[in-house]
């Protein structure tokens, strides 16, 4: 019975395996892009100054609520003051996430559930941060522009939905591996018990 259940789970495992491999590749690619962008902004001063100047120009051109404009302006100045620390932190986080993404690819090929757990934890943290960020910016977009207030929640929802979908694929594959490991352990235990019974029978 357990062997039959294990056999039936094999096609689902193969299908989930391909999905998780694509998730690992996408996650690795995004981590490399984030790490490269942070490194370029950190090494070249002109690039960072250009980003800050464009952000300040955008703030000046848009007529926001006075309190919102002041809060964004002060936040921008704080980020500019600590630009090196911010870029280094983002680069290190992207590097760690890249390592976890490569562990997903290895864990998927070897069917080892423990190699998937670090990525699931870090990705869940990024999802929580994205939810907080999107909620704050959605609220602020109502003070900026009506079109932005309509477009931003849609785009943010699509990105967040993609992030959650990637996490669910890895979690689903993780549960399949967990169930298969339990069934293999049960089969090994049954074989050990059968051998003990057979040895006792042979002695009699």
C-alpha atoms as a PDB file:
ATOM      1  CA  UNK A   1       0.000   0.000   0.000  1.00  0.00           C
ATOM      2  CA  UNK A   2       2.762   2.422   0.929  1.00  0.00           C
ATOM      3  CA  UNK A   3       4.766   1.400  -2.125  1.00  0.00           C
ATOM      4  CA  UNK A   4       1.752   2.116  -4.318  1.00  0.00           C
ATOM      5  CA  UNK A   5       1.284   5.549  -2.694  1.00  0.00           C
ATOM      6  CA  UNK A   6       4.957   6.305  -3.269  1.00  0.00           C
ATOM      7  CA  UNK A   7       4.617   5.282  -6.921  1.00  0.00           C
ATOM      8  CA  UNK A   8       1.574   7.522  -7.390  1.00  0.00           C
ATOM      9  CA  UNK A   9       3.436  10.504  -5.962  1.00  0.00           C
ATOM     10  CA  UNK A  10       6.307  10.183  -8.453  1.00  0.00           C
ATOM     11  CA  UNK A  11       4.618  12.055 -11.378  1.00  0.00           C
ATOM     12  CA  UNK A  12       3.560  14.889  -9.049  1.00  0.00           C
ATOM     13  CA  UNK A  13       7.110  15.032  -7.700  1.00  0.00           C
ATOM     14  CA  UNK A  14       8.569  15.309 -11.224  1.00  0.00           C
ATOM     15  CA  UNK A  15       6.113  18.069 -12.183  1.00  0.00           C
ATOM     16  CA  UNK A  16       6.838  20.035  -9.000  1.00  0.00           C
ATOM     17  CA  UNK A  17      10.555  19.464  -9.491  1.00  0.00           C
ATOM     18  CA  UNK A  18      10.532  21.261 -12.849  1.00  0.00           C
ATOM     19  CA  UNK A  19       8.523  24.143 -11.366  1.00  0.00           C
ATOM     20  CA  UNK A  20      10.933  24.515  -8.443  1.00  0.00           C
ATOM     21  CA  UNK A  21      13.915  24.419 -10.810  1.00  0.00           C
ATOM     22  CA  UNK A  22      12.398  27.313 -12.781  1.00  0.00           C
ATOM     23  CA  UNK A  23      11.749  29.143  -9.519  1.00  0.00           C
ATOM     24  CA  UNK A  24      15.370  28.675  -8.470  1.00  0.00           C
ATOM     25  CA  UNK A  25      16.626  29.958 -11.828  1.00  0.00           C
ATOM     26  CA  UNK A  26      14.368  33.050 -11.694  1.00  0.00           C
ATOM     27  CA  UNK A  27      15.353  33.736  -8.081  1.00  0.00           C
ATOM     28  CA  UNK A  28      19.056  33.397  -8.907  1.00  0.00           C
ATOM     29  CA  UNK A  29      18.703  35.720 -11.905  1.00  0.00           C
ATOM     30  CA  UNK A  30      16.914  38.395  -9.855  1.00  0.00           C
ATOM     31  CA  UNK A  31      19.501  38.111  -7.077  1.00  0.00           C
ATOM     32  CA  UNK A  32      22.331  38.603  -9.572  1.00  0.00           C
ATOM     33  CA  UNK A  33      20.598  41.673 -11.057  1.00  0.00           C
ATOM     34  CA  UNK A  34      20.064  43.194  -7.588  1.00  0.00           C
ATOM     35  CA  UNK A  35      23.644  42.465  -6.546  1.00  0.00           C
ATOM     36  CA  UNK A  36      25.079  43.901  -9.774  1.00  0.00           C
ATOM     37  CA  UNK A  37      22.945  47.054  -9.574  1.00  0.00           C
ATOM     38  CA  UNK A  38      23.955  47.648  -5.953  1.00  0.00           C
ATOM     39  CA  UNK A  39      27.615  47.131  -6.807  1.00  0.00           C
ATOM     40  CA  UNK A  40      27.454  49.611  -9.702  1.00  0.00           C
ATOM     41  CA  UNK A  41      25.748  52.237  -7.526  1.00  0.00           C
ATOM     42  CA  UNK A  42      28.292  51.628  -4.773  1.00  0.00           C
ATOM     43  CA  UNK A  43      31.399  51.821  -6.969  1.00  0.00           C
ATOM     44  CA  UNK A  44      30.394  54.693  -9.272  1.00  0.00           C
ATOM     45  CA  UNK A  45      29.461  57.921  -7.489  1.00  0.00           C
ATOM     46  CA  UNK A  46      27.972  59.456 -10.628  1.00  0.00           C
ATOM     47  CA  UNK A  47      25.318  56.741 -10.890  1.00  0.00           C
ATOM     48  CA  UNK A  48      24.133  57.241  -7.312  1.00  0.00           C
ATOM     49  CA  UNK A  49      24.123  61.034  -7.656  1.00  0.00           C
ATOM     50  CA  UNK A  50      22.092  60.705 -10.851  1.00  0.00           C
ATOM     51  CA  UNK A  51      19.507  58.553  -9.065  1.00  0.00           C
ATOM     52  CA  UNK A  52      19.214  61.054  -6.204  1.00  0.00           C
ATOM     53  CA  UNK A  53      18.962  64.032  -8.581  1.00  0.00           C
ATOM     54  CA  UNK A  54      16.202  62.354 -10.595  1.00  0.00           C
ATOM     55  CA  UNK A  55      14.336  61.501  -7.391  1.00  0.00           C
ATOM     56  CA  UNK A  56      14.606  65.076  -6.144  1.00  0.00           C
ATOM     57  CA  UNK A  57      13.483  66.432  -9.526  1.00  0.00           C
ATOM     58  CA  UNK A  58      10.507  64.099  -9.470  1.00  0.00           C
ATOM     59  CA  UNK A  59       9.591  65.336  -5.994  1.00  0.00           C
ATOM     60  CA  UNK A  60       9.767  68.956  -7.144  1.00  0.00           C
ATOM     61  CA  UNK A  61       7.646  68.382 -10.243  1.00  0.00           C
ATOM     62  CA  UNK A  62       4.827  66.554  -8.446  1.00  0.00           C
ATOM     63  CA  UNK A  63       2.510  68.594  -6.234  1.00  0.00           C
ATOM     64  CA  UNK A  64       1.962  66.387  -3.216  1.00  0.00           C
ATOM     65  CA  UNK A  65       0.535  66.931   0.194  1.00  0.00           C
ATOM     66  CA  UNK A  66       3.015  69.034   2.224  1.00  0.00           C
ATOM     67  CA  UNK A  67       3.423  66.471   5.021  1.00  0.00           C
ATOM     68  CA  UNK A  68       3.884  63.575   2.592  1.00  0.00           C
ATOM     69  CA  UNK A  69       6.417  65.538   0.528  1.00  0.00           C
ATOM     70  CA  UNK A  70       8.396  66.466   3.646  1.00  0.00           C
ATOM     71  CA  UNK A  71       8.406  62.865   4.904  1.00  0.00           C
ATOM     72  CA  UNK A  72       9.601  61.503   1.555  1.00  0.00           C
ATOM     73  CA  UNK A  73      12.201  64.261   1.246  1.00  0.00           C
ATOM     74  CA  UNK A  74      13.646  63.549   4.701  1.00  0.00           C
ATOM     75  CA  UNK A  75      13.683  59.794   3.979  1.00  0.00           C
ATOM     76  CA  UNK A  76      15.510  60.434   0.716  1.00  0.00           C
ATOM     77  CA  UNK A  77      18.098  62.613   2.457  1.00  0.00           C
ATOM     78  CA  UNK A  78      18.630  59.931   5.117  1.00  0.00           C
ATOM     79  CA  UNK A  79      19.162  57.259   2.452  1.00  0.00           C
ATOM     80  CA  UNK A  80      21.575  59.561   0.585  1.00  0.00           C
ATOM     81  CA  UNK A  81      23.523  60.236   3.794  1.00  0.00           C
ATOM     82  CA  UNK A  82      23.906  56.479   4.446  1.00  0.00           C
ATOM     83  CA  UNK A  83      24.112  55.387   0.808  1.00  0.00           C
ATOM     84  CA  UNK A  84      27.190  53.195   1.305  1.00  0.00           C
ATOM     85  CA  UNK A  85      25.652  51.263   4.188  1.00  0.00           C
ATOM     86  CA  UNK A  86      22.364  50.865   2.300  1.00  0.00           C
ATOM     87  CA  UNK A  87      24.033  49.562  -0.881  1.00  0.00           C
ATOM     88  CA  UNK A  88      26.336  47.207   1.029  1.00  0.00           C
ATOM     89  CA  UNK A  89      23.385  45.816   2.986  1.00  0.00           C
ATOM     90  CA  UNK A  90      21.320  45.272  -0.165  1.00  0.00           C
ATOM     91  CA  UNK A  91      24.295  43.660  -1.924  1.00  0.00           C
ATOM     92  CA  UNK A  92      24.978  41.290   0.990  1.00  0.00           C
ATOM     93  CA  UNK A  93      21.304  40.312   1.254  1.00  0.00           C
ATOM     94  CA  UNK A  94      21.169  39.662  -2.490  1.00  0.00           C
ATOM     95  CA  UNK A  95      24.335  37.552  -2.215  1.00  0.00           C
ATOM     96  CA  UNK A  96      22.854  35.472   0.602  1.00  0.00           C
ATOM     97  CA  UNK A  97      19.617  35.030  -1.350  1.00  0.00           C
ATOM     98  CA  UNK A  98      21.652  33.953  -4.391  1.00  0.00           C
ATOM     99  CA  UNK A  99      23.364  31.262  -2.305  1.00  0.00           C
ATOM    100  CA  UNK A 100      19.965  30.054  -1.061  1.00  0.00           C
ATOM    101  CA  UNK A 101      18.645  30.044  -4.652  1.00  0.00           C
ATOM    102  CA  UNK A 102      21.571  27.878  -5.750  1.00  0.00           C
ATOM    103  CA  UNK A 103      20.834  25.598  -2.789  1.00  0.00           C
ATOM    104  CA  UNK A 104      17.292  25.225  -4.160  1.00  0.00           C
ATOM    105  CA  UNK A 105      18.655  24.024  -7.496  1.00  0.00           C
ATOM    106  CA  UNK A 106      20.963  21.549  -5.745  1.00  0.00           C
ATOM    107  CA  UNK A 107      18.271  20.413  -3.317  1.00  0.00           C
ATOM    108  CA  UNK A 108      15.785  19.899  -6.155  1.00  0.00           C
ATOM    109  CA  UNK A 109      18.224  17.787  -8.173  1.00  0.00           C
ATOM    110  CA  UNK A 110      19.203  15.716  -5.116  1.00  0.00           C
ATOM    111  CA  UNK A 111      15.658  15.690  -3.664  1.00  0.00           C
ATOM    112  CA  UNK A 112      16.902  16.947  -0.287  1.00  0.00           C
ATOM    113  CA  UNK A 113      14.264  18.888   1.614  1.00  0.00           C
ATOM    114  CA  UNK A 114      16.702  20.490   4.068  1.00  0.00           C
ATOM    115  CA  UNK A 115      18.363  22.468   1.253  1.00  0.00           C
ATOM    116  CA  UNK A 116      15.032  24.159   0.452  1.00  0.00           C
ATOM    117  CA  UNK A 117      14.332  25.500   3.945  1.00  0.00           C
ATOM    118  CA  UNK A 118      16.831  28.457   3.988  1.00  0.00           C
ATOM    119  CA  UNK A 119      15.376  29.864   0.740  1.00  0.00           C
ATOM    120  CA  UNK A 120      11.809  29.461   2.040  1.00  0.00           C
ATOM    121  CA  UNK A 121      12.668  31.430   5.189  1.00  0.00           C
ATOM    122  CA  UNK A 122      14.500  34.245   3.367  1.00  0.00           C
ATOM    123  CA  UNK A 123      11.821  34.453   0.672  1.00  0.00           C
ATOM    124  CA  UNK A 124       9.079  34.661   3.304  1.00  0.00           C
ATOM    125  CA  UNK A 125      10.942  37.558   4.948  1.00  0.00           C
ATOM    126  CA  UNK A 126      11.159  39.333   1.568  1.00  0.00           C
ATOM    127  CA  UNK A 127       7.414  38.765   1.045  1.00  0.00           C
ATOM    128  CA  UNK A 128       6.632  40.380   4.413  1.00  0.00           C
ATOM    129  CA  UNK A 129       8.879  43.355   3.557  1.00  0.00           C
ATOM    130  CA  UNK A 130       7.189  43.690   0.153  1.00  0.00           C
ATOM    131  CA  UNK A 131       3.723  43.638   1.744  1.00  0.00           C
ATOM    132  CA  UNK A 132       4.690  46.443   4.140  1.00  0.00           C
ATOM    133  CA  UNK A 133       6.338  48.457   1.331  1.00  0.00           C
ATOM    134  CA  UNK A 134       3.436  48.045  -1.087  1.00  0.00           C
ATOM    135  CA  UNK A 135       0.924  48.963   1.612  1.00  0.00           C
ATOM    136  CA  UNK A 136       2.786  52.168   2.482  1.00  0.00           C
ATOM    137  CA  UNK A 137       3.309  53.202  -1.155  1.00  0.00           C
ATOM    138  CA  UNK A 138      -0.307  52.393  -2.056  1.00  0.00           C
ATOM    139  CA  UNK A 139      -1.437  54.706   0.727  1.00  0.00           C
ATOM    140  CA  UNK A 140       0.995  57.434  -0.377  1.00  0.00           C
ATOM    141  CA  UNK A 141       0.010  57.113  -4.051  1.00  0.00           C
ATOM    142  CA  UNK A 142      -3.429  58.562  -3.244  1.00  0.00           C
ATOM    143  CA  UNK A 143      -1.684  61.826  -2.344  1.00  0.00           C
ATOM    144  CA  UNK A 144       0.385  61.871  -5.537  1.00  0.00           C
ATOM    145  CA  UNK A 145      -1.738  61.116  -8.570  1.00  0.00           C
ATOM    146  CA  UNK A 146      -5.009  59.339  -9.351  1.00  0.00           C
ATOM    147  CA  UNK A 147      -3.491  57.315 -12.202  1.00  0.00           C
ATOM    148  CA  UNK A 148      -0.606  56.204  -9.981  1.00  0.00           C
ATOM    149  CA  UNK A 149      -3.100  55.276  -7.262  1.00  0.00           C
ATOM    150  CA  UNK A 150      -4.806  52.947  -9.756  1.00  0.00           C
ATOM    151  CA  UNK A 151      -1.760  51.497 -11.523  1.00  0.00           C
ATOM    152  CA  UNK A 152       0.568  50.961  -8.563  1.00  0.00           C
ATOM    153  CA  UNK A 153      -1.702  48.584  -6.562  1.00  0.00           C
ATOM    154  CA  UNK A 154      -2.270  46.486  -9.701  1.00  0.00           C
ATOM    155  CA  UNK A 155       1.436  46.231 -10.538  1.00  0.00           C
ATOM    156  CA  UNK A 156       2.364  45.714  -6.883  1.00  0.00           C
ATOM    157  CA  UNK A 157      -0.281  43.006  -6.544  1.00  0.00           C
ATOM    158  CA  UNK A 158       1.036  41.166  -9.616  1.00  0.00           C
ATOM    159  CA  UNK A 159       4.628  41.246  -8.335  1.00  0.00           C
ATOM    160  CA  UNK A 160       3.564  40.155  -4.861  1.00  0.00           C
ATOM    161  CA  UNK A 161       1.402  37.390  -6.342  1.00  0.00           C
ATOM    162  CA  UNK A 162       4.401  36.125  -8.340  1.00  0.00           C
ATOM    163  CA  UNK A 163       6.550  36.137  -5.193  1.00  0.00           C
ATOM    164  CA  UNK A 164       3.917  34.213  -3.200  1.00  0.00           C
ATOM    165  CA  UNK A 165       3.406  31.768  -6.082  1.00  0.00           C
ATOM    166  CA  UNK A 166       7.131  30.998  -6.174  1.00  0.00           C
ATOM    167  CA  UNK A 167       7.125  30.336  -2.419  1.00  0.00           C
ATOM    168  CA  UNK A 168       4.075  28.058  -2.678  1.00  0.00           C
ATOM    169  CA  UNK A 169       5.712  25.983  -5.424  1.00  0.00           C
ATOM    170  CA  UNK A 170       8.783  25.353  -3.278  1.00  0.00           C
ATOM    171  CA  UNK A 171       6.633  24.618  -0.209  1.00  0.00           C
ATOM    172  CA  UNK A 172       4.500  22.138  -2.182  1.00  0.00           C
ATOM    173  CA  UNK A 173       7.602  20.329  -3.432  1.00  0.00           C
ATOM    174  CA  UNK A 174       8.963  20.329   0.118  1.00  0.00           C
ATOM    175  CA  UNK A 175       5.818  18.609   1.437  1.00  0.00           C
ATOM    176  CA  UNK A 176       6.050  15.976  -1.319  1.00  0.00           C
ATOM    177  CA  UNK A 177       9.652  15.210  -0.367  1.00  0.00           C
ATOM    178  CA  UNK A 178       8.684  15.050   3.319  1.00  0.00           C
ATOM    179  CA  UNK A 179       5.884  12.547   2.627  1.00  0.00           C
ATOM    180  CA  UNK A 180       8.132  10.422   0.410  1.00  0.00           C
ATOM    181  CA  UNK A 181      10.861  10.383   3.073  1.00  0.00           C
ATOM    182  CA  UNK A 182       8.333   9.233   5.674  1.00  0.00           C
ATOM    183  CA  UNK A 183       7.083   6.466   3.397  1.00  0.00           C
ATOM    184  CA  UNK A 184      10.620   5.287   2.671  1.00  0.00           C
ATOM    185  CA  UNK A 185      11.376   5.190   6.414  1.00  0.00           C
ATOM    186  CA  UNK A 186       8.167   3.215   7.054  1.00  0.00           C
ATOM    187  CA  UNK A 187       9.085   0.740   4.320  1.00  0.00           C
ATOM    188  CA  UNK A 188      12.593   0.305   5.760  1.00  0.00           C
ATOM    189  CA  UNK A 189      11.121  -0.218   9.228  1.00  0.00           C
ATOM    190  CA  UNK A 190       8.706  -2.842   7.885  1.00  0.00           C
ATOM    191  CA  UNK A 191      11.545  -4.620   6.101  1.00  0.00           C
ATOM    192  CA  UNK A 192      13.638  -4.625   9.293  1.00  0.00           C
ATOM    193  CA  UNK A 193      10.708  -6.056  11.289  1.00  0.00           C
ATOM    194  CA  UNK A 194      10.094  -8.685   8.604  1.00  0.00           C
ATOM    195  CA  UNK A 195      13.752  -9.739   8.671  1.00  0.00           C
ATOM    196  CA  UNK A 196      13.640 -10.055  12.471  1.00  0.00           C
ATOM    197  CA  UNK A 197      10.529 -12.223  12.265  1.00  0.00           C
ATOM    198  CA  UNK A 198      12.111 -14.341   9.530  1.00  0.00           C
ATOM    199  CA  UNK A 199      15.299 -14.822  11.566  1.00  0.00           C
ATOM    200  CA  UNK A 200      13.259 -15.978  14.587  1.00  0.00           C
ATOM    201  CA  UNK A 201      11.305 -18.352  12.357  1.00  0.00           C
ATOM    202  CA  UNK A 202      14.532 -19.814  10.900  1.00  0.00           C
ATOM    203  CA  UNK A 203      15.918 -20.402  14.406  1.00  0.00           C
ATOM    204  CA  UNK A 204      12.762 -22.286  15.420  1.00  0.00           C
END
